[in-house]
Amino acid sequence: STRLMGWFRQAPGKDREFVASIKWSIAKTYYADS
């Protein structure tokens, strides 16, 4: 049932931020610009 999977990270004192993801149906990857 999983359509999307990704990675996030959180440093002490900071908000959780997006790192990268992959959308299975179209085999497309996404990344944080930095």
PDB file of all heavy atoms in Angstrom:
ATOM      1  N   SER A   1       0.805  -1.216   0.000  1.00  0.00           N
ATOM      2  CA  SER A   1       0.000   0.000   0.000  1.00  0.00           C
ATOM      3  C   SER A   1       0.841   1.270   0.000  1.00  0.00           C
ATOM      4  O   SER A   1       0.293   2.371  -0.086  1.00  0.00           O
ATOM      5  CB  SER A   1      -0.925   0.015   1.215  1.00  0.00           C
ATOM      6  OG  SER A   1      -0.194   0.094   2.423  1.00  0.00           O
ATOM      7  N   THR A   2       2.143   1.135   0.082  1.00  0.00           N
ATOM      8  CA  THR A   2       3.029   2.292   0.148  1.00  0.00           C
ATOM      9  C   THR A   2       3.253   2.891  -1.234  1.00  0.00           C
ATOM     10  O   THR A   2       3.712   2.207  -2.140  1.00  0.00           O
ATOM     11  CB  THR A   2       4.372   1.906   0.779  1.00  0.00           C
ATOM     12  OG1 THR A   2       4.144   1.378   2.092  1.00  0.00           O
ATOM     13  CG2 THR A   2       5.279   3.120   0.890  1.00  0.00           C
ATOM     14  N   ARG A   3       2.944   4.169  -1.390  1.00  0.00           N
ATOM     15  CA  ARG A   3       3.099   4.857  -2.671  1.00  0.00           C
ATOM     16  C   ARG A   3       4.306   5.786  -2.695  1.00  0.00           C
ATOM     17  O   ARG A   3       4.825   6.098  -3.762  1.00  0.00           O
ATOM     18  CB  ARG A   3       1.845   5.671  -2.987  1.00  0.00           C
ATOM     19  CG  ARG A   3       0.583   4.847  -3.125  1.00  0.00           C
ATOM     20  CD  ARG A   3      -0.602   5.734  -3.439  1.00  0.00           C
ATOM     21  NE  ARG A   3      -1.834   4.968  -3.560  1.00  0.00           N
ATOM     22  CZ  ARG A   3      -3.009   5.488  -3.831  1.00  0.00           C
ATOM     23  NH1 ARG A   3      -3.122   6.804  -4.007  1.00  0.00           N
ATOM     24  NH2 ARG A   3      -4.070   4.717  -3.923  1.00  0.00           N
ATOM     25  N   LEU A   4       4.727   6.220  -1.522  1.00  0.00           N
ATOM     26  CA  LEU A   4       5.799   7.189  -1.422  1.00  0.00           C
ATOM     27  C   LEU A   4       6.656   6.877  -0.206  1.00  0.00           C
ATOM     28  O   LEU A   4       6.127   6.590   0.867  1.00  0.00           O
ATOM     29  CB  LEU A   4       5.209   8.601  -1.315  1.00  0.00           C
ATOM     30  CG  LEU A   4       6.153   9.774  -1.106  1.00  0.00           C
ATOM     31  CD1 LEU A   4       6.946  10.026  -2.390  1.00  0.00           C
ATOM     32  CD2 LEU A   4       5.367  11.011  -0.706  1.00  0.00           C
ATOM     33  N   MET A   5       7.957   6.936  -0.364  1.00  0.00           N
ATOM     34  CA  MET A   5       8.867   6.759   0.756  1.00  0.00           C
ATOM     35  C   MET A   5       9.929   7.840   0.700  1.00  0.00           C
ATOM     36  O   MET A   5      10.299   8.306  -0.373  1.00  0.00           O
ATOM     37  CB  MET A   5       9.516   5.373   0.739  1.00  0.00           C
ATOM     38  CG  MET A   5       8.533   4.237   0.952  1.00  0.00           C
ATOM     39  SD  MET A   5       9.316   2.602   1.063  1.00  0.00           S
ATOM     40  CE  MET A   5      10.149   2.744   2.661  1.00  0.00           C
ATOM     41  N   GLY A   6      10.403   8.219   1.863  1.00  0.00           N
ATOM     42  CA  GLY A   6      11.383   9.280   1.894  1.00  0.00           C
ATOM     43  C   GLY A   6      12.220   9.290   3.149  1.00  0.00           C
ATOM     44  O   GLY A   6      12.045   8.474   4.057  1.00  0.00           O
ATOM     45  N   TRP A   7      13.148  10.230   3.160  1.00  0.00           N
ATOM     46  CA  TRP A   7      14.043  10.437   4.289  1.00  0.00           C
ATOM     47  C   TRP A   7      13.893  11.857   4.808  1.00  0.00           C
ATOM     48  O   TRP A   7      13.806  12.814   4.028  1.00  0.00           O
ATOM     49  CB  TRP A   7      15.502  10.205   3.893  1.00  0.00           C
ATOM     50  CG  TRP A   7      15.848   8.779   3.620  1.00  0.00           C
ATOM     51  CD1 TRP A   7      15.846   8.149   2.420  1.00  0.00           C
ATOM     52  CD2 TRP A   7      16.264   7.809   4.592  1.00  0.00           C
ATOM     53  NE1 TRP A   7      16.233   6.838   2.565  1.00  0.00           N
ATOM     54  CE2 TRP A   7      16.498   6.601   3.890  1.00  0.00           C
ATOM     55  CE3 TRP A   7      16.463   7.839   5.972  1.00  0.00           C
ATOM     56  CZ2 TRP A   7      16.916   5.442   4.529  1.00  0.00           C
ATOM     57  CZ3 TRP A   7      16.877   6.682   6.609  1.00  0.00           C
ATOM     58  CH2 TRP A   7      17.097   5.507   5.891  1.00  0.00           C
ATOM     59  N   PHE A   8      13.877  11.986   6.121  1.00  0.00           N
ATOM     60  CA  PHE A   8      13.855  13.264   6.805  1.00  0.00           C
ATOM     61  C   PHE A   8      14.965  13.260   7.843  1.00  0.00           C
ATOM     62  O   PHE A   8      15.491  12.203   8.193  1.00  0.00           O
ATOM     63  CB  PHE A   8      12.502  13.498   7.482  1.00  0.00           C
ATOM     64  CG  PHE A   8      11.362  13.682   6.531  1.00  0.00           C
ATOM     65  CD1 PHE A   8      10.802  12.590   5.870  1.00  0.00           C
ATOM     66  CD2 PHE A   8      10.826  14.939   6.297  1.00  0.00           C
ATOM     67  CE1 PHE A   8       9.744  12.748   4.994  1.00  0.00           C
ATOM     68  CE2 PHE A   8       9.763  15.118   5.424  1.00  0.00           C
ATOM     69  CZ  PHE A   8       9.224  14.021   4.773  1.00  0.00           C
ATOM     70  N   ARG A   9      15.306  14.435   8.333  1.00  0.00           N
ATOM     71  CA  ARG A   9      16.300  14.507   9.394  1.00  0.00           C
ATOM     72  C   ARG A   9      15.939  15.613  10.371  1.00  0.00           C
ATOM     73  O   ARG A   9      15.260  16.574  10.021  1.00  0.00           O
ATOM     74  CB  ARG A   9      17.705  14.728   8.832  1.00  0.00           C
ATOM     75  CG  ARG A   9      17.934  16.088   8.193  1.00  0.00           C
ATOM     76  CD  ARG A   9      19.328  16.169   7.600  1.00  0.00           C
ATOM     77  NE  ARG A   9      19.632  17.499   7.097  1.00  0.00           N
ATOM     78  CZ  ARG A   9      20.756  17.821   6.471  1.00  0.00           C
ATOM     79  NH1 ARG A   9      21.702  16.897   6.276  1.00  0.00           N
ATOM     80  NH2 ARG A   9      20.947  19.067   6.046  1.00  0.00           N
ATOM     81  N   GLN A  10      16.414  15.467  11.600  1.00  0.00           N
ATOM     82  CA  GLN A  10      16.161  16.460  12.623  1.00  0.00           C
ATOM     83  C   GLN A  10      17.385  16.618  13.504  1.00  0.00           C
ATOM     84  O   GLN A  10      17.840  15.664  14.135  1.00  0.00           O
ATOM     85  CB  GLN A  10      14.952  16.074  13.473  1.00  0.00           C
ATOM     86  CG  GLN A  10      14.530  17.145  14.463  1.00  0.00           C
ATOM     87  CD  GLN A  10      13.181  16.860  15.089  1.00  0.00           C
ATOM     88  OE1 GLN A  10      12.768  15.710  15.198  1.00  0.00           O
ATOM     89  NE2 GLN A  10      12.485  17.914  15.492  1.00  0.00           N
ATOM     90  N   ALA A  11      17.918  17.822  13.528  1.00  0.00           N
ATOM     91  CA  ALA A  11      19.042  18.156  14.381  1.00  0.00           C
ATOM     92  C   ALA A  11      18.517  18.730  15.689  1.00  0.00           C
ATOM     93  O   ALA A  11      17.399  19.258  15.742  1.00  0.00           O
ATOM     94  CB  ALA A  11      19.955  19.163  13.690  1.00  0.00           C
ATOM     95  N   PRO A  12      19.298  18.656  16.770  1.00  0.00           N
ATOM     96  CA  PRO A  12      18.853  19.200  18.056  1.00  0.00           C
ATOM     97  C   PRO A  12      18.450  20.666  17.950  1.00  0.00           C
ATOM     98  O   PRO A  12      19.183  21.482  17.391  1.00  0.00           O
ATOM     99  CB  PRO A  12      20.075  19.025  18.949  1.00  0.00           C
ATOM    100  CG  PRO A  12      20.800  17.861  18.358  1.00  0.00           C
ATOM    101  CD  PRO A  12      20.618  18.019  16.873  1.00  0.00           C
ATOM    102  N   GLY A  13      17.272  20.989  18.472  1.00  0.00           N
ATOM    103  CA  GLY A  13      16.797  22.355  18.461  1.00  0.00           C
ATOM    104  C   GLY A  13      16.252  22.838  17.143  1.00  0.00           C
ATOM    105  O   GLY A  13      15.903  24.018  17.015  1.00  0.00           O
ATOM    106  N   LYS A  14      16.172  21.971  16.157  1.00  0.00           N
ATOM    107  CA  LYS A  14      15.675  22.359  14.847  1.00  0.00           C
ATOM    108  C   LYS A  14      14.459  21.521  14.457  1.00  0.00           C
ATOM    109  O   LYS A  14      14.219  20.451  15.000  1.00  0.00           O
ATOM    110  CB  LYS A  14      16.766  22.202  13.785  1.00  0.00           C
ATOM    111  CG  LYS A  14      17.972  23.108  13.981  1.00  0.00           C
ATOM    112  CD  LYS A  14      18.961  22.960  12.837  1.00  0.00           C
ATOM    113  CE  LYS A  14      20.147  23.888  13.000  1.00  0.00           C
ATOM    114  NZ  LYS A  14      21.103  23.742  11.870  1.00  0.00           N
ATOM    115  N   ASP A  15      13.702  22.042  13.501  1.00  0.00           N
ATOM    116  CA  ASP A  15      12.551  21.313  12.982  1.00  0.00           C
ATOM    117  C   ASP A  15      13.001  20.158  12.098  1.00  0.00           C
ATOM    118  O   ASP A  15      14.089  20.182  11.519  1.00  0.00           O
ATOM    119  CB  ASP A  15      11.647  22.241  12.169  1.00  0.00           C
ATOM    120  CG  ASP A  15      10.983  23.313  12.992  1.00  0.00           C
ATOM    121  OD1 ASP A  15      10.760  23.086  14.197  1.00  0.00           O
ATOM    122  OD2 ASP A  15      10.672  24.380  12.429  1.00  0.00           O
ATOM    123  N   ARG A  16      12.148  19.169  12.003  1.00  0.00           N
ATOM    124  CA  ARG A  16      12.420  18.071  11.097  1.00  0.00           C
ATOM    125  C   ARG A  16      12.347  18.590   9.662  1.00  0.00           C
ATOM    126  O   ARG A  16      11.419  19.328   9.305  1.00  0.00           O
ATOM    127  CB  ARG A  16      11.415  16.943  11.310  1.00  0.00           C
ATOM    128  CG  ARG A  16      11.681  15.704  10.480  1.00  0.00           C
ATOM    129  CD  ARG A  16      10.779  14.552  10.914  1.00  0.00           C
ATOM    130  NE  ARG A  16      11.048  14.161  12.296  1.00  0.00           N
ATOM    131  CZ  ARG A  16      10.445  13.148  12.905  1.00  0.00           C
ATOM    132  NH1 ARG A  16       9.544  12.430  12.262  1.00  0.00           N
ATOM    133  NH2 ARG A  16      10.742  12.867  14.162  1.00  0.00           N
ATOM    134  N   GLU A  17      13.324  18.223   8.835  1.00  0.00           N
ATOM    135  CA  GLU A  17      13.365  18.713   7.471  1.00  0.00           C
ATOM    136  C   GLU A  17      13.417  17.575   6.456  1.00  0.00           C
ATOM    137  O   GLU A  17      13.930  16.492   6.730  1.00  0.00           O
ATOM    138  CB  GLU A  17      14.566  19.648   7.265  1.00  0.00           C
ATOM    139  CG  GLU A  17      15.916  18.979   7.421  1.00  0.00           C
ATOM    140  CD  GLU A  17      17.076  19.912   7.116  1.00  0.00           C
ATOM    141  OE1 GLU A  17      16.887  20.886   6.362  1.00  0.00           O
ATOM    142  OE2 GLU A  17      18.192  19.657   7.632  1.00  0.00           O
ATOM    143  N   PHE A  18      12.901  17.865   5.283  1.00  0.00           N
ATOM    144  CA  PHE A  18      12.882  16.909   4.189  1.00  0.00           C
ATOM    145  C   PHE A  18      14.272  16.730   3.606  1.00  0.00           C
ATOM    146  O   PHE A  18      15.011  17.692   3.418  1.00  0.00           O
ATOM    147  CB  PHE A  18      11.921  17.394   3.107  1.00  0.00           C
ATOM    148  CG  PHE A  18      11.980  16.605   1.832  1.00  0.00           C
ATOM    149  CD1 PHE A  18      11.395  15.354   1.742  1.00  0.00           C
ATOM    150  CD2 PHE A  18      12.618  17.121   0.720  1.00  0.00           C
ATOM    151  CE1 PHE A  18      11.439  14.620   0.569  1.00  0.00           C
ATOM    152  CE2 PHE A  18      12.673  16.402  -0.453  1.00  0.00           C
ATOM    153  CZ  PHE A  18      12.086  15.147  -0.526  1.00  0.00           C
ATOM    154  N   VAL A  19      14.625  15.485   3.302  1.00  0.00           N
ATOM    155  CA  VAL A  19      15.914  15.174   2.695  1.00  0.00           C
ATOM    156  C   VAL A  19      15.739  14.692   1.257  1.00  0.00           C
ATOM    157  O   VAL A  19      16.271  15.285   0.318  1.00  0.00           O
ATOM    158  CB  VAL A  19      16.678  14.112   3.511  1.00  0.00           C
ATOM    159  CG1 VAL A  19      17.951  13.683   2.781  1.00  0.00           C
ATOM    160  CG2 VAL A  19      17.014  14.648   4.895  1.00  0.00           C
ATOM    161  N   ALA A  20      14.996  13.610   1.078  1.00  0.00           N
ATOM    162  CA  ALA A  20      14.792  13.036  -0.249  1.00  0.00           C
ATOM    163  C   ALA A  20      13.616  12.079  -0.214  1.00  0.00           C
ATOM    164  O   ALA A  20      13.230  11.591   0.847  1.00  0.00           O
ATOM    165  CB  ALA A  20      16.051  12.299  -0.727  1.00  0.00           C
ATOM    166  N   SER A  21      13.046  11.791  -1.376  1.00  0.00           N
ATOM    167  CA  SER A  21      11.929  10.865  -1.459  1.00  0.00           C
ATOM    168  C   SER A  21      11.891  10.200  -2.824  1.00  0.00           C
ATOM    169  O   SER A  21      12.539  10.650  -3.776  1.00  0.00           O
ATOM    170  CB  SER A  21      10.600  11.565  -1.177  1.00  0.00           C
ATOM    171  OG  SER A  21      10.299  12.513  -2.186  1.00  0.00           O
ATOM    172  N   ILE A  22      11.108   9.126  -2.905  1.00  0.00           N
ATOM    173  CA  ILE A  22      10.913   8.435  -4.172  1.00  0.00           C
ATOM    174  C   ILE A  22       9.447   8.063  -4.297  1.00  0.00           C
ATOM    175  O   ILE A  22       8.856   7.499  -3.379  1.00  0.00           O
ATOM    176  CB  ILE A  22      11.833   7.199  -4.290  1.00  0.00           C
ATOM    177  CG1 ILE A  22      11.624   6.498  -5.632  1.00  0.00           C
ATOM    178  CG2 ILE A  22      11.616   6.228  -3.128  1.00  0.00           C
ATOM    179  CD1 ILE A  22      12.710   5.474  -5.944  1.00  0.00           C
ATOM    180  N   LYS A  23       8.857   8.405  -5.434  1.00  0.00           N
ATOM    181  CA  LYS A  23       7.470   8.062  -5.733  1.00  0.00           C
ATOM    182  C   LYS A  23       7.476   6.839  -6.625  1.00  0.00           C
ATOM    183  O   LYS A  23       7.942   6.889  -7.764  1.00  0.00           O
ATOM    184  CB  LYS A  23       6.762   9.238  -6.409  1.00  0.00           C
ATOM    185  CG  LYS A  23       5.271   9.020  -6.629  1.00  0.00           C
ATOM    186  CD  LYS A  23       4.582  10.297  -7.096  1.00  0.00           C
ATOM    187  CE  LYS A  23       4.517  11.324  -5.979  1.00  0.00           C
ATOM    188  NZ  LYS A  23       3.727  12.515  -6.378  1.00  0.00           N
ATOM    189  N   TRP A  24       6.956   5.748  -6.105  1.00  0.00           N
ATOM    190  CA  TRP A  24       7.097   4.459  -6.778  1.00  0.00           C
ATOM    191  C   TRP A  24       6.399   4.392  -8.125  1.00  0.00           C
ATOM    192  O   TRP A  24       6.938   3.840  -9.073  1.00  0.00           O
ATOM    193  CB  TRP A  24       6.576   3.337  -5.878  1.00  0.00           C
ATOM    194  CG  TRP A  24       7.303   3.197  -4.585  1.00  0.00           C
ATOM    195  CD1 TRP A  24       6.799   3.384  -3.335  1.00  0.00           C
ATOM    196  CD2 TRP A  24       8.678   2.841  -4.419  1.00  0.00           C
ATOM    197  NE1 TRP A  24       7.766   3.164  -2.391  1.00  0.00           N
ATOM    198  CE2 TRP A  24       8.934   2.824  -3.027  1.00  0.00           C
ATOM    199  CE3 TRP A  24       9.720   2.522  -5.288  1.00  0.00           C
ATOM    200  CZ2 TRP A  24      10.188   2.514  -2.496  1.00  0.00           C
ATOM    201  CZ3 TRP A  24      10.965   2.225  -4.763  1.00  0.00           C
ATOM    202  CH2 TRP A  24      11.189   2.217  -3.390  1.00  0.00           C
ATOM    203  N   SER A  25       5.210   4.943  -8.230  1.00  0.00           N
ATOM    204  CA  SER A  25       4.408   4.788  -9.442  1.00  0.00           C
ATOM    205  C   SER A  25       5.069   5.366 -10.685  1.00  0.00           C
ATOM    206  O   SER A  25       4.872   4.855 -11.791  1.00  0.00           O
ATOM    207  CB  SER A  25       3.029   5.418  -9.249  1.00  0.00           C
ATOM    208  OG  SER A  25       3.130   6.814  -9.030  1.00  0.00           O
ATOM    209  N   ILE A  26       5.832   6.417 -10.527  1.00  0.00           N
ATOM    210  CA  ILE A  26       6.499   7.050 -11.665  1.00  0.00           C
ATOM    211  C   ILE A  26       8.011   6.979 -11.555  1.00  0.00           C
ATOM    212  O   ILE A  26       8.727   7.570 -12.370  1.00  0.00           O
ATOM    213  CB  ILE A  26       6.053   8.517 -11.835  1.00  0.00           C
ATOM    214  CG1 ILE A  26       6.323   9.326 -10.567  1.00  0.00           C
ATOM    215  CG2 ILE A  26       4.586   8.577 -12.206  1.00  0.00           C
ATOM    216  CD1 ILE A  26       6.008  10.799 -10.711  1.00  0.00           C
ATOM    217  N   ALA A  27       8.499   6.279 -10.547  1.00  0.00           N
ATOM    218  CA  ALA A  27       9.932   6.093 -10.336  1.00  0.00           C
ATOM    219  C   ALA A  27      10.685   7.420 -10.334  1.00  0.00           C
ATOM    220  O   ALA A  27      11.757   7.542 -10.926  1.00  0.00           O
ATOM    221  CB  ALA A  27      10.503   5.151 -11.387  1.00  0.00           C
ATOM    222  N   LYS A  28      10.115   8.398  -9.680  1.00  0.00           N
ATOM    223  CA  LYS A  28      10.714   9.716  -9.637  1.00  0.00           C
ATOM    224  C   LYS A  28      11.262  10.013  -8.245  1.00  0.00           C
ATOM    225  O   LYS A  28      10.633   9.685  -7.241  1.00  0.00           O
ATOM    226  CB  LYS A  28       9.694  10.779 -10.025  1.00  0.00           C
ATOM    227  CG  LYS A  28      10.273  12.181 -10.125  1.00  0.00           C
ATOM    228  CD  LYS A  28       9.257  13.160 -10.671  1.00  0.00           C
ATOM    229  CE  LYS A  28       9.830  14.563 -10.730  1.00  0.00           C
ATOM    230  NZ  LYS A  28      10.999  14.638 -11.640  1.00  0.00           N
ATOM    231  N   THR A  29      12.427  10.628  -8.211  1.00  0.00           N
ATOM    232  CA  THR A  29      13.053  10.996  -6.949  1.00  0.00           C
ATOM    233  C   THR A  29      13.029  12.504  -6.752  1.00  0.00           C
ATOM    234  O   THR A  29      13.008  13.284  -7.707  1.00  0.00           O
ATOM    235  CB  THR A  29      14.498  10.493  -6.879  1.00  0.00           C
ATOM    236  OG1 THR A  29      15.249  11.015  -7.986  1.00  0.00           O
ATOM    237  CG2 THR A  29      14.544   8.969  -6.938  1.00  0.00           C
ATOM    238  N   TYR A  30      13.050  12.910  -5.491  1.00  0.00           N
ATOM    239  CA  TYR A  30      13.013  14.311  -5.131  1.00  0.00           C
ATOM    240  C   TYR A  30      14.074  14.562  -4.066  1.00  0.00           C
ATOM    241  O   TYR A  30      14.343  13.707  -3.232  1.00  0.00           O
ATOM    242  CB  TYR A  30      11.640  14.704  -4.580  1.00  0.00           C
ATOM    243  CG  TYR A  30      10.490  14.374  -5.494  1.00  0.00           C
ATOM    244  CD1 TYR A  30       9.923  13.106  -5.500  1.00  0.00           C
ATOM    245  CD2 TYR A  30       9.958  15.335  -6.357  1.00  0.00           C
ATOM    246  CE1 TYR A  30       8.870  12.793  -6.340  1.00  0.00           C
ATOM    247  CE2 TYR A  30       8.904  15.033  -7.196  1.00  0.00           C
ATOM    248  CZ  TYR A  30       8.357  13.766  -7.188  1.00  0.00           C
ATOM    249  OH  TYR A  30       7.312  13.464  -8.023  1.00  0.00           O
ATOM    250  N   TYR A  31      14.660  15.755  -4.091  1.00  0.00           N
ATOM    251  CA  TYR A  31      15.702  16.099  -3.145  1.00  0.00           C
ATOM    252  C   TYR A  31      15.537  17.515  -2.627  1.00  0.00           C
ATOM    253  O   TYR A  31      15.058  18.402  -3.334  1.00  0.00           O
ATOM    254  CB  TYR A  31      17.083  16.006  -3.785  1.00  0.00           C
ATOM    255  CG  TYR A  31      17.472  14.619  -4.230  1.00  0.00           C
ATOM    256  CD1 TYR A  31      17.205  14.180  -5.520  1.00  0.00           C
ATOM    257  CD2 TYR A  31      18.112  13.746  -3.357  1.00  0.00           C
ATOM    258  CE1 TYR A  31      17.554  12.905  -5.931  1.00  0.00           C
ATOM    259  CE2 TYR A  31      18.467  12.474  -3.755  1.00  0.00           C
ATOM    260  CZ  TYR A  31      18.185  12.058  -5.053  1.00  0.00           C
ATOM    261  OH  TYR A  31      18.543  10.793  -5.448  1.00  0.00           O
ATOM    262  N   ALA A  32      15.957  17.719  -1.394  1.00  0.00           N
ATOM    263  CA  ALA A  32      16.092  19.076  -0.900  1.00  0.00           C
ATOM    264  C   ALA A  32      17.178  19.759  -1.726  1.00  0.00           C
ATOM    265  O   ALA A  32      18.221  19.163  -2.005  1.00  0.00           O
ATOM    266  CB  ALA A  32      16.470  19.073   0.578  1.00  0.00           C
ATOM    267  N   ASP A  33      16.928  21.005  -2.133  1.00  0.00           N
ATOM    268  CA  ASP A  33      17.861  21.703  -3.011  1.00  0.00           C
ATOM    269  C   ASP A  33      19.278  21.751  -2.454  1.00  0.00           C
ATOM    270  O   ASP A  33      20.256  21.607  -3.191  1.00  0.00           O
ATOM    271  CB  ASP A  33      17.370  23.129  -3.278  1.00  0.00           C
ATOM    272  CG  ASP A  33      16.164  23.169  -4.192  1.00  0.00           C
ATOM    273  OD1 ASP A  33      15.921  22.182  -4.908  1.00  0.00           O
ATOM    274  OD2 ASP A  33      15.465  24.201  -4.197  1.00  0.00           O
ATOM    275  N   SER A  34      19.390  21.944  -1.169  1.00  0.00           N
ATOM    276  CA  SER A  34      20.700  22.077  -0.551  1.00  0.00           C
ATOM    277  C   SER A  34      21.496  20.782  -0.524  1.00  0.00           C
ATOM    278  O   SER A  34      22.707  20.806  -0.303  1.00  0.00           O
ATOM    279  CB  SER A  34      20.557  22.616   0.878  1.00  0.00           C
ATOM    280  OG  SER A  34      19.829  21.716   1.688  1.00  0.00           O
TER     281      SER A  34
END
